[in-house]
Amino acid sequence: MTPSHEGVEKVQANPADGAVHGNEEASIDRYLDVLKNSLTRAAGSERYRPLGPVNPWRQAAVQAVNGLLRPLSLEVVKRLPFDPQAREHGLDRPAEAETMIGLRRLENIRFCVEDVLRRSVPGDLIETGVWRGGACIFMRAVLKAHGVVDRTVWLADSFQGLPKPDPRYAKDAGDMHHTAPELSVSRSQVEDNFRRYGLLDEQVKFLVGWFANTLPGAPIERLAVLRLDGDMYGSTIEALESLYD
């Protein structure tokens, strides 16, 4: 600082400060872009996809064949060309990626988390229905990139797939998600995925079980970001009733 002729101190701007800040932002952008592409496998490395539950008869046949192949570490899959547009918008189900929500939704997660940080909205982050954990890995990465140490990322999931339709929810009648074995991902698998990216720490916590049992009494003081991905009406309404104020 240098004194002015009037005796009032003036603060001289350091041009390097802006450069440093710009470099930090660029580094954050690069890190999150690389992570986003890795979590979705957007580079197009996959060419196969497990057969989904199109109808109960085909699903039963696929499960029976996969049961015979599993001891050989084999699985029935569908061969298909990589579709970058589908991967961008989350319209396919990647065989190996940690998330199926696509690049656009991951970018939306970043926007929401950074908006909360920018406006100092208090609270943790949660996803209800996490599959392989990719969206939550990205949430944790955004916090880490910005040096945030006072917020937790909560993962709520049964970690055993989806439930059978509840008769109380007419909109779920005939839902077949519970027949899809690829939607059943264990907690240990999700933890391994976090470790792969160096993001499994004390700021990551798990709520294991059906939402109706775990969410009403969850030890969460306040939420700033709530992402619902329960696939079914029942899973969605139960999460909203417990978590949205």
C-alpha atoms as a PDB file:
ATOM      1  CA  MET A   1       0.000   0.000   0.000  1.00  0.00           C
ATOM      2  CA  THR A   2       1.212   3.540  -0.769  1.00  0.00           C
ATOM      3  CA  PRO A   3       0.018   6.810   0.828  1.00  0.00           C
ATOM      4  CA  SER A   4      -1.759   9.335  -1.397  1.00  0.00           C
ATOM      5  CA  HIS A   5      -1.152  13.042  -1.318  1.00  0.00           C
ATOM      6  CA  GLU A   6      -4.265  13.403   0.851  1.00  0.00           C
ATOM      7  CA  GLY A   7      -2.835  11.023   3.429  1.00  0.00           C
ATOM      8  CA  VAL A   8      -5.331   8.229   2.582  1.00  0.00           C
ATOM      9  CA  GLU A   9      -3.897   4.822   1.829  1.00  0.00           C
ATOM     10  CA  LYS A  10      -4.625   3.375  -1.597  1.00  0.00           C
ATOM     11  CA  VAL A  11      -4.541  -0.345  -2.296  1.00  0.00           C
ATOM     12  CA  GLN A  12      -2.647  -1.118  -5.456  1.00  0.00           C
ATOM     13  CA  ALA A  13      -4.076  -4.015  -7.423  1.00  0.00           C
ATOM     14  CA  ASN A  14      -1.696  -6.837  -8.109  1.00  0.00           C
ATOM     15  CA  PRO A  15      -2.221  -8.086 -11.681  1.00  0.00           C
ATOM     16  CA  ALA A  16      -0.927 -11.467 -10.597  1.00  0.00           C
ATOM     17  CA  ASP A  17      -3.924 -11.948  -8.268  1.00  0.00           C
ATOM     18  CA  GLY A  18      -6.331 -12.126 -11.186  1.00  0.00           C
ATOM     19  CA  ALA A  19      -4.046 -14.484 -13.046  1.00  0.00           C
ATOM     20  CA  VAL A  20      -3.812 -16.821 -10.060  1.00  0.00           C
ATOM     21  CA  HIS A  21      -7.586 -16.795  -9.621  1.00  0.00           C
ATOM     22  CA  GLY A  22      -8.048 -17.486 -13.318  1.00  0.00           C
ATOM     23  CA  ASN A  23      -5.595 -20.371 -13.178  1.00  0.00           C
ATOM     24  CA  GLU A  24      -7.459 -21.874 -10.218  1.00  0.00           C
ATOM     25  CA  GLU A  25     -10.771 -21.699 -12.068  1.00  0.00           C
ATOM     26  CA  ALA A  26      -9.215 -23.247 -15.159  1.00  0.00           C
ATOM     27  CA  SER A  27      -7.754 -26.073 -13.072  1.00  0.00           C
ATOM     28  CA  ILE A  28     -11.151 -26.743 -11.488  1.00  0.00           C
ATOM     29  CA  ASP A  29     -12.777 -26.788 -14.926  1.00  0.00           C
ATOM     30  CA  ARG A  30     -10.217 -29.245 -16.282  1.00  0.00           C
ATOM     31  CA  TYR A  31     -10.464 -31.550 -13.267  1.00  0.00           C
ATOM     32  CA  LEU A  32     -14.257 -31.680 -13.286  1.00  0.00           C
ATOM     33  CA  ASP A  33     -14.455 -32.064 -17.067  1.00  0.00           C
ATOM     34  CA  VAL A  34     -12.038 -35.000 -17.024  1.00  0.00           C
ATOM     35  CA  LEU A  35     -13.932 -36.583 -14.134  1.00  0.00           C
ATOM     36  CA  LYS A  36     -17.274 -36.038 -15.833  1.00  0.00           C
ATOM     37  CA  ASN A  37     -16.086 -37.770 -18.986  1.00  0.00           C
ATOM     38  CA  SER A  38     -14.585 -40.631 -16.998  1.00  0.00           C
ATOM     39  CA  LEU A  39     -17.686 -41.223 -14.866  1.00  0.00           C
ATOM     40  CA  THR A  40     -19.874 -41.447 -17.974  1.00  0.00           C
ATOM     41  CA  ARG A  41     -17.276 -43.134 -20.237  1.00  0.00           C
ATOM     42  CA  ALA A  42     -18.158 -40.400 -22.720  1.00  0.00           C
ATOM     43  CA  ALA A  43     -15.025 -41.141 -24.737  1.00  0.00           C
ATOM     44  CA  GLY A  44     -16.904 -44.075 -26.224  1.00  0.00           C
ATOM     45  CA  SER A  45     -14.857 -46.977 -24.929  1.00  0.00           C
ATOM     46  CA  GLU A  46     -17.899 -49.227 -24.442  1.00  0.00           C
ATOM     47  CA  ARG A  47     -19.517 -51.253 -27.166  1.00  0.00           C
ATOM     48  CA  TYR A  48     -21.702 -53.606 -25.138  1.00  0.00           C
ATOM     49  CA  ARG A  49     -24.674 -53.251 -22.829  1.00  0.00           C
ATOM     50  CA  PRO A  50     -26.439 -55.749 -20.556  1.00  0.00           C
ATOM     51  CA  LEU A  51     -29.896 -56.696 -21.791  1.00  0.00           C
ATOM     52  CA  GLY A  52     -32.513 -54.717 -19.893  1.00  0.00           C
ATOM     53  CA  PRO A  53     -35.960 -55.825 -18.682  1.00  0.00           C
ATOM     54  CA  VAL A  54     -37.949 -55.197 -21.876  1.00  0.00           C
ATOM     55  CA  ASN A  55     -40.555 -57.752 -20.805  1.00  0.00           C
ATOM     56  CA  PRO A  56     -40.771 -60.341 -18.016  1.00  0.00           C
ATOM     57  CA  TRP A  57     -40.380 -63.327 -20.348  1.00  0.00           C
ATOM     58  CA  ARG A  58     -37.164 -62.160 -21.962  1.00  0.00           C
ATOM     59  CA  GLN A  59     -35.862 -61.002 -18.608  1.00  0.00           C
ATOM     60  CA  ALA A  60     -36.490 -64.432 -17.098  1.00  0.00           C
ATOM     61  CA  ALA A  61     -34.669 -66.083 -19.997  1.00  0.00           C
ATOM     62  CA  VAL A  62     -31.705 -63.719 -19.727  1.00  0.00           C
ATOM     63  CA  GLN A  63     -31.457 -64.261 -15.971  1.00  0.00           C
ATOM     64  CA  ALA A  64     -31.505 -68.031 -16.436  1.00  0.00           C
ATOM     65  CA  VAL A  65     -28.744 -67.937 -19.045  1.00  0.00           C
ATOM     66  CA  ASN A  66     -26.689 -65.482 -17.008  1.00  0.00           C
ATOM     67  CA  GLY A  67     -27.009 -67.806 -14.031  1.00  0.00           C
ATOM     68  CA  LEU A  68     -25.325 -70.539 -16.060  1.00  0.00           C
ATOM     69  CA  LEU A  69     -22.655 -68.184 -17.402  1.00  0.00           C
ATOM     70  CA  ARG A  70     -21.810 -66.425 -14.134  1.00  0.00           C
ATOM     71  CA  PRO A  71     -19.400 -69.159 -12.868  1.00  0.00           C
ATOM     72  CA  LEU A  72     -17.459 -68.595 -16.096  1.00  0.00           C
ATOM     73  CA  SER A  73     -17.397 -64.812 -15.556  1.00  0.00           C
ATOM     74  CA  LEU A  74     -19.568 -64.361 -18.641  1.00  0.00           C
ATOM     75  CA  GLU A  75     -22.780 -62.423 -19.250  1.00  0.00           C
ATOM     76  CA  VAL A  76     -25.321 -62.016 -22.046  1.00  0.00           C
ATOM     77  CA  VAL A  77     -24.926 -58.551 -23.548  1.00  0.00           C
ATOM     78  CA  LYS A  78     -26.116 -56.602 -26.559  1.00  0.00           C
ATOM     79  CA  ARG A  79     -23.575 -55.296 -29.024  1.00  0.00           C
ATOM     80  CA  LEU A  80     -24.248 -51.743 -30.140  1.00  0.00           C
ATOM     81  CA  PRO A  81     -22.420 -48.736 -31.598  1.00  0.00           C
ATOM     82  CA  PHE A  82     -21.482 -45.943 -29.239  1.00  0.00           C
ATOM     83  CA  ASP A  83     -23.943 -43.045 -29.388  1.00  0.00           C
ATOM     84  CA  PRO A  84     -22.351 -39.808 -28.111  1.00  0.00           C
ATOM     85  CA  GLN A  85     -25.692 -37.977 -28.084  1.00  0.00           C
ATOM     86  CA  ALA A  86     -27.285 -40.665 -25.937  1.00  0.00           C
ATOM     87  CA  ARG A  87     -24.353 -40.542 -23.526  1.00  0.00           C
ATOM     88  CA  GLU A  88     -24.507 -36.753 -23.342  1.00  0.00           C
ATOM     89  CA  HIS A  89     -28.195 -36.775 -22.451  1.00  0.00           C
ATOM     90  CA  GLY A  90     -28.186 -39.923 -20.296  1.00  0.00           C
ATOM     91  CA  LEU A  91     -30.370 -41.966 -22.627  1.00  0.00           C
ATOM     92  CA  ASP A  92     -28.428 -45.236 -22.475  1.00  0.00           C
ATOM     93  CA  ARG A  93     -27.301 -47.596 -19.730  1.00  0.00           C
ATOM     94  CA  PRO A  94     -23.485 -47.894 -19.820  1.00  0.00           C
ATOM     95  CA  ALA A  95     -22.045 -51.302 -19.008  1.00  0.00           C
ATOM     96  CA  GLU A  96     -19.062 -49.979 -17.052  1.00  0.00           C
ATOM     97  CA  ALA A  97     -19.629 -46.291 -16.268  1.00  0.00           C
ATOM     98  CA  GLU A  98     -20.226 -45.166 -12.696  1.00  0.00           C
ATOM     99  CA  THR A  99     -23.298 -43.199 -13.762  1.00  0.00           C
ATOM    100  CA  MET A 100     -25.948 -43.388 -16.466  1.00  0.00           C
ATOM    101  CA  ILE A 101     -27.284 -39.837 -16.065  1.00  0.00           C
ATOM    102  CA  GLY A 102     -25.130 -38.386 -18.847  1.00  0.00           C
ATOM    103  CA  LEU A 103     -22.930 -35.322 -19.217  1.00  0.00           C
ATOM    104  CA  ARG A 104     -25.732 -32.751 -19.172  1.00  0.00           C
ATOM    105  CA  ARG A 105     -27.090 -33.848 -15.804  1.00  0.00           C
ATOM    106  CA  LEU A 106     -23.622 -33.976 -14.294  1.00  0.00           C
ATOM    107  CA  GLU A 107     -23.106 -30.405 -15.475  1.00  0.00           C
ATOM    108  CA  ASN A 108     -26.408 -29.493 -13.820  1.00  0.00           C
ATOM    109  CA  ILE A 109     -25.165 -31.044 -10.573  1.00  0.00           C
ATOM    110  CA  ARG A 110     -22.072 -28.866 -10.775  1.00  0.00           C
ATOM    111  CA  PHE A 111     -24.199 -25.770 -11.390  1.00  0.00           C
ATOM    112  CA  CYS A 112     -26.441 -26.529  -8.402  1.00  0.00           C
ATOM    113  CA  VAL A 113     -23.575 -27.243  -6.003  1.00  0.00           C
ATOM    114  CA  GLU A 114     -21.548 -24.215  -7.074  1.00  0.00           C
ATOM    115  CA  ASP A 115     -24.638 -22.003  -6.864  1.00  0.00           C
ATOM    116  CA  VAL A 116     -25.192 -23.165  -3.288  1.00  0.00           C
ATOM    117  CA  LEU A 117     -21.556 -22.432  -2.459  1.00  0.00           C
ATOM    118  CA  ARG A 118     -21.622 -19.039  -4.161  1.00  0.00           C
ATOM    119  CA  ARG A 119     -24.754 -17.947  -2.283  1.00  0.00           C
ATOM    120  CA  SER A 120     -23.672 -19.575   1.006  1.00  0.00           C
ATOM    121  CA  VAL A 121     -26.810 -21.712   1.248  1.00  0.00           C
ATOM    122  CA  PRO A 122     -26.229 -23.946   4.287  1.00  0.00           C
ATOM    123  CA  GLY A 123     -26.672 -27.697   4.169  1.00  0.00           C
ATOM    124  CA  ASP A 124     -25.448 -31.041   2.888  1.00  0.00           C
ATOM    125  CA  LEU A 125     -25.955 -32.819  -0.436  1.00  0.00           C
ATOM    126  CA  ILE A 126     -27.886 -36.044  -0.998  1.00  0.00           C
ATOM    127  CA  GLU A 127     -28.888 -38.381  -3.796  1.00  0.00           C
ATOM    128  CA  THR A 128     -31.683 -40.896  -3.266  1.00  0.00           C
ATOM    129  CA  GLY A 129     -31.029 -43.838  -5.554  1.00  0.00           C
ATOM    130  CA  VAL A 130     -27.317 -43.837  -6.366  1.00  0.00           C
ATOM    131  CA  TRP A 131     -26.734 -46.925  -8.568  1.00  0.00           C
ATOM    132  CA  ARG A 132     -22.918 -47.102  -8.884  1.00  0.00           C
ATOM    133  CA  GLY A 133     -22.415 -43.777  -7.119  1.00  0.00           C
ATOM    134  CA  GLY A 134     -21.248 -41.668 -10.059  1.00  0.00           C
ATOM    135  CA  ALA A 135     -23.429 -38.628  -9.400  1.00  0.00           C
ATOM    136  CA  CYS A 136     -22.396 -38.574  -5.735  1.00  0.00           C
ATOM    137  CA  ILE A 137     -18.742 -39.020  -6.673  1.00  0.00           C
ATOM    138  CA  PHE A 138     -19.140 -35.921  -8.820  1.00  0.00           C
ATOM    139  CA  MET A 139     -20.831 -34.009  -5.973  1.00  0.00           C
ATOM    140  CA  ARG A 140     -17.930 -34.853  -3.693  1.00  0.00           C
ATOM    141  CA  ALA A 141     -15.466 -33.821  -6.386  1.00  0.00           C
ATOM    142  CA  VAL A 142     -17.091 -30.399  -6.765  1.00  0.00           C
ATOM    143  CA  LEU A 143     -16.828 -29.841  -3.012  1.00  0.00           C
ATOM    144  CA  LYS A 144     -13.204 -30.943  -3.000  1.00  0.00           C
ATOM    145  CA  ALA A 145     -12.320 -28.786  -5.998  1.00  0.00           C
ATOM    146  CA  HIS A 146     -13.565 -25.746  -4.092  1.00  0.00           C
ATOM    147  CA  GLY A 147     -11.909 -26.713  -0.813  1.00  0.00           C
ATOM    148  CA  VAL A 148     -15.207 -27.293   1.026  1.00  0.00           C
ATOM    149  CA  VAL A 149     -14.732 -29.307   4.218  1.00  0.00           C
ATOM    150  CA  ASP A 150     -17.959 -28.609   6.147  1.00  0.00           C
ATOM    151  CA  ARG A 151     -20.546 -30.345   3.953  1.00  0.00           C
ATOM    152  CA  THR A 152     -21.404 -34.034   3.632  1.00  0.00           C
ATOM    153  CA  VAL A 153     -22.516 -35.999   0.571  1.00  0.00           C
ATOM    154  CA  TRP A 154     -25.189 -38.525   1.586  1.00  0.00           C
ATOM    155  CA  LEU A 155     -25.917 -41.659  -0.453  1.00  0.00           C
ATOM    156  CA  ALA A 156     -29.355 -43.168   0.165  1.00  0.00           C
ATOM    157  CA  ASP A 157     -30.003 -46.531  -1.456  1.00  0.00           C
ATOM    158  CA  SER A 158     -31.082 -50.075  -0.687  1.00  0.00           C
ATOM    159  CA  PHE A 159     -27.873 -51.269  -2.397  1.00  0.00           C
ATOM    160  CA  GLN A 160     -29.873 -54.313  -3.487  1.00  0.00           C
ATOM    161  CA  GLY A 161     -31.847 -52.964  -6.418  1.00  0.00           C
ATOM    162  CA  LEU A 162     -35.368 -51.575  -6.522  1.00  0.00           C
ATOM    163  CA  PRO A 163     -38.391 -52.819  -4.583  1.00  0.00           C
ATOM    164  CA  LYS A 164     -41.396 -54.525  -6.061  1.00  0.00           C
ATOM    165  CA  PRO A 165     -44.269 -52.116  -6.756  1.00  0.00           C
ATOM    166  CA  ASP A 166     -46.164 -51.083  -3.632  1.00  0.00           C
ATOM    167  CA  PRO A 167     -49.958 -51.470  -4.081  1.00  0.00           C
ATOM    168  CA  ARG A 168     -50.397 -48.091  -2.359  1.00  0.00           C
ATOM    169  CA  TYR A 169     -48.893 -46.380  -5.400  1.00  0.00           C
ATOM    170  CA  ALA A 170     -51.034 -47.010  -8.471  1.00  0.00           C
ATOM    171  CA  LYS A 171     -48.528 -45.252 -10.724  1.00  0.00           C
ATOM    172  CA  ASP A 172     -46.008 -48.043 -10.026  1.00  0.00           C
ATOM    173  CA  ALA A 173     -48.338 -50.857 -11.108  1.00  0.00           C
ATOM    174  CA  GLY A 174     -46.500 -53.197 -13.455  1.00  0.00           C
ATOM    175  CA  ASP A 175     -43.111 -51.566 -12.887  1.00  0.00           C
ATOM    176  CA  MET A 176     -40.310 -53.987 -13.777  1.00  0.00           C
ATOM    177  CA  HIS A 177     -37.260 -52.246 -12.309  1.00  0.00           C
ATOM    178  CA  HIS A 178     -37.040 -54.834  -9.522  1.00  0.00           C
ATOM    179  CA  THR A 179     -36.321 -57.551 -12.102  1.00  0.00           C
ATOM    180  CA  ALA A 180     -33.167 -55.851 -13.431  1.00  0.00           C
ATOM    181  CA  PRO A 181     -30.094 -57.373 -11.732  1.00  0.00           C
ATOM    182  CA  GLU A 182     -27.780 -54.711 -13.175  1.00  0.00           C
ATOM    183  CA  LEU A 183     -29.547 -52.127 -10.996  1.00  0.00           C
ATOM    184  CA  SER A 184     -28.462 -53.956  -7.840  1.00  0.00           C
ATOM    185  CA  VAL A 185     -25.110 -52.507  -6.788  1.00  0.00           C
ATOM    186  CA  SER A 186     -23.680 -53.215  -3.343  1.00  0.00           C
ATOM    187  CA  ARG A 187     -22.386 -50.592  -0.955  1.00  0.00           C
ATOM    188  CA  SER A 188     -18.902 -52.091  -1.195  1.00  0.00           C
ATOM    189  CA  GLN A 189     -18.948 -51.658  -4.970  1.00  0.00           C
ATOM    190  CA  VAL A 190     -19.938 -48.012  -4.603  1.00  0.00           C
ATOM    191  CA  GLU A 191     -17.223 -47.466  -2.004  1.00  0.00           C
ATOM    192  CA  ASP A 192     -14.691 -49.004  -4.391  1.00  0.00           C
ATOM    193  CA  ASN A 193     -15.810 -46.559  -7.071  1.00  0.00           C
ATOM    194  CA  PHE A 194     -15.237 -43.643  -4.692  1.00  0.00           C
ATOM    195  CA  ARG A 195     -11.789 -45.008  -3.848  1.00  0.00           C
ATOM    196  CA  ARG A 196     -10.929 -45.268  -7.537  1.00  0.00           C
ATOM    197  CA  TYR A 197     -11.207 -41.498  -7.755  1.00  0.00           C
ATOM    198  CA  GLY A 198      -9.645 -40.790  -4.360  1.00  0.00           C
ATOM    199  CA  LEU A 199     -12.897 -39.382  -2.967  1.00  0.00           C
ATOM    200  CA  LEU A 200     -13.978 -41.786  -0.217  1.00  0.00           C
ATOM    201  CA  ASP A 201     -13.545 -39.903   3.058  1.00  0.00           C
ATOM    202  CA  GLU A 202     -15.402 -38.659   6.138  1.00  0.00           C
ATOM    203  CA  GLN A 203     -17.498 -36.311   3.997  1.00  0.00           C
ATOM    204  CA  VAL A 204     -19.202 -39.281   2.330  1.00  0.00           C
ATOM    205  CA  LYS A 205     -21.924 -41.081   4.311  1.00  0.00           C
ATOM    206  CA  PHE A 206     -24.322 -43.903   3.480  1.00  0.00           C
ATOM    207  CA  LEU A 207     -27.995 -44.460   4.337  1.00  0.00           C
ATOM    208  CA  VAL A 208     -28.555 -48.148   3.610  1.00  0.00           C
ATOM    209  CA  GLY A 209     -32.080 -49.512   3.218  1.00  0.00           C
ATOM    210  CA  TRP A 210     -35.490 -48.723   1.741  1.00  0.00           C
ATOM    211  CA  PHE A 211     -36.272 -45.015   1.789  1.00  0.00           C
ATOM    212  CA  ALA A 212     -39.382 -45.445   3.942  1.00  0.00           C
ATOM    213  CA  ASN A 213     -37.169 -46.912   6.676  1.00  0.00           C
ATOM    214  CA  THR A 214     -34.012 -44.804   6.436  1.00  0.00           C
ATOM    215  CA  LEU A 215     -34.992 -41.286   5.391  1.00  0.00           C
ATOM    216  CA  PRO A 216     -37.533 -40.211   8.059  1.00  0.00           C
ATOM    217  CA  GLY A 217     -34.947 -40.549  10.840  1.00  0.00           C
ATOM    218  CA  ALA A 218     -31.815 -39.762   8.845  1.00  0.00           C
ATOM    219  CA  PRO A 219     -29.232 -37.826  10.928  1.00  0.00           C
ATOM    220  CA  ILE A 220     -29.179 -34.897   8.500  1.00  0.00           C
ATOM    221  CA  GLU A 221     -29.502 -31.422   9.970  1.00  0.00           C
ATOM    222  CA  ARG A 222     -30.069 -29.533   6.738  1.00  0.00           C
ATOM    223  CA  LEU A 223     -29.942 -30.110   2.980  1.00  0.00           C
ATOM    224  CA  ALA A 224     -28.864 -27.656   0.313  1.00  0.00           C
ATOM    225  CA  VAL A 225     -28.977 -29.988  -2.712  1.00  0.00           C
ATOM    226  CA  LEU A 226     -31.438 -32.867  -3.080  1.00  0.00           C
ATOM    227  CA  ARG A 227     -31.222 -35.147  -6.117  1.00  0.00           C
ATOM    228  CA  LEU A 228     -33.990 -37.725  -6.536  1.00  0.00           C
ATOM    229  CA  ASP A 229     -33.253 -40.764  -8.706  1.00  0.00           C
ATOM    230  CA  GLY A 230     -35.453 -43.499  -7.294  1.00  0.00           C
ATOM    231  CA  ASP A 231     -36.955 -44.399 -10.716  1.00  0.00           C
ATOM    232  CA  MET A 232     -40.374 -45.196  -9.215  1.00  0.00           C
ATOM    233  CA  TYR A 233     -43.212 -43.007  -7.948  1.00  0.00           C
ATOM    234  CA  GLY A 234     -43.123 -44.619  -4.505  1.00  0.00           C
ATOM    235  CA  SER A 235     -39.396 -44.078  -4.113  1.00  0.00           C
ATOM    236  CA  THR A 236     -39.747 -40.461  -5.210  1.00  0.00           C
ATOM    237  CA  ILE A 237     -42.684 -39.489  -3.006  1.00  0.00           C
ATOM    238  CA  GLU A 238     -41.176 -41.188   0.060  1.00  0.00           C
ATOM    239  CA  ALA A 239     -37.960 -39.220  -0.397  1.00  0.00           C
ATOM    240  CA  LEU A 240     -39.836 -35.946  -0.873  1.00  0.00           C
ATOM    241  CA  GLU A 241     -42.007 -36.482   2.187  1.00  0.00           C
ATOM    242  CA  SER A 242     -38.951 -37.096   4.363  1.00  0.00           C
ATOM    243  CA  LEU A 243     -36.419 -34.635   2.951  1.00  0.00           C
ATOM    244  CA  TYR A 244     -38.144 -31.712   1.244  1.00  0.00           C
ATOM    245  CA  ASP A 245     -39.291 -28.883   3.494  1.00  0.00           C
END
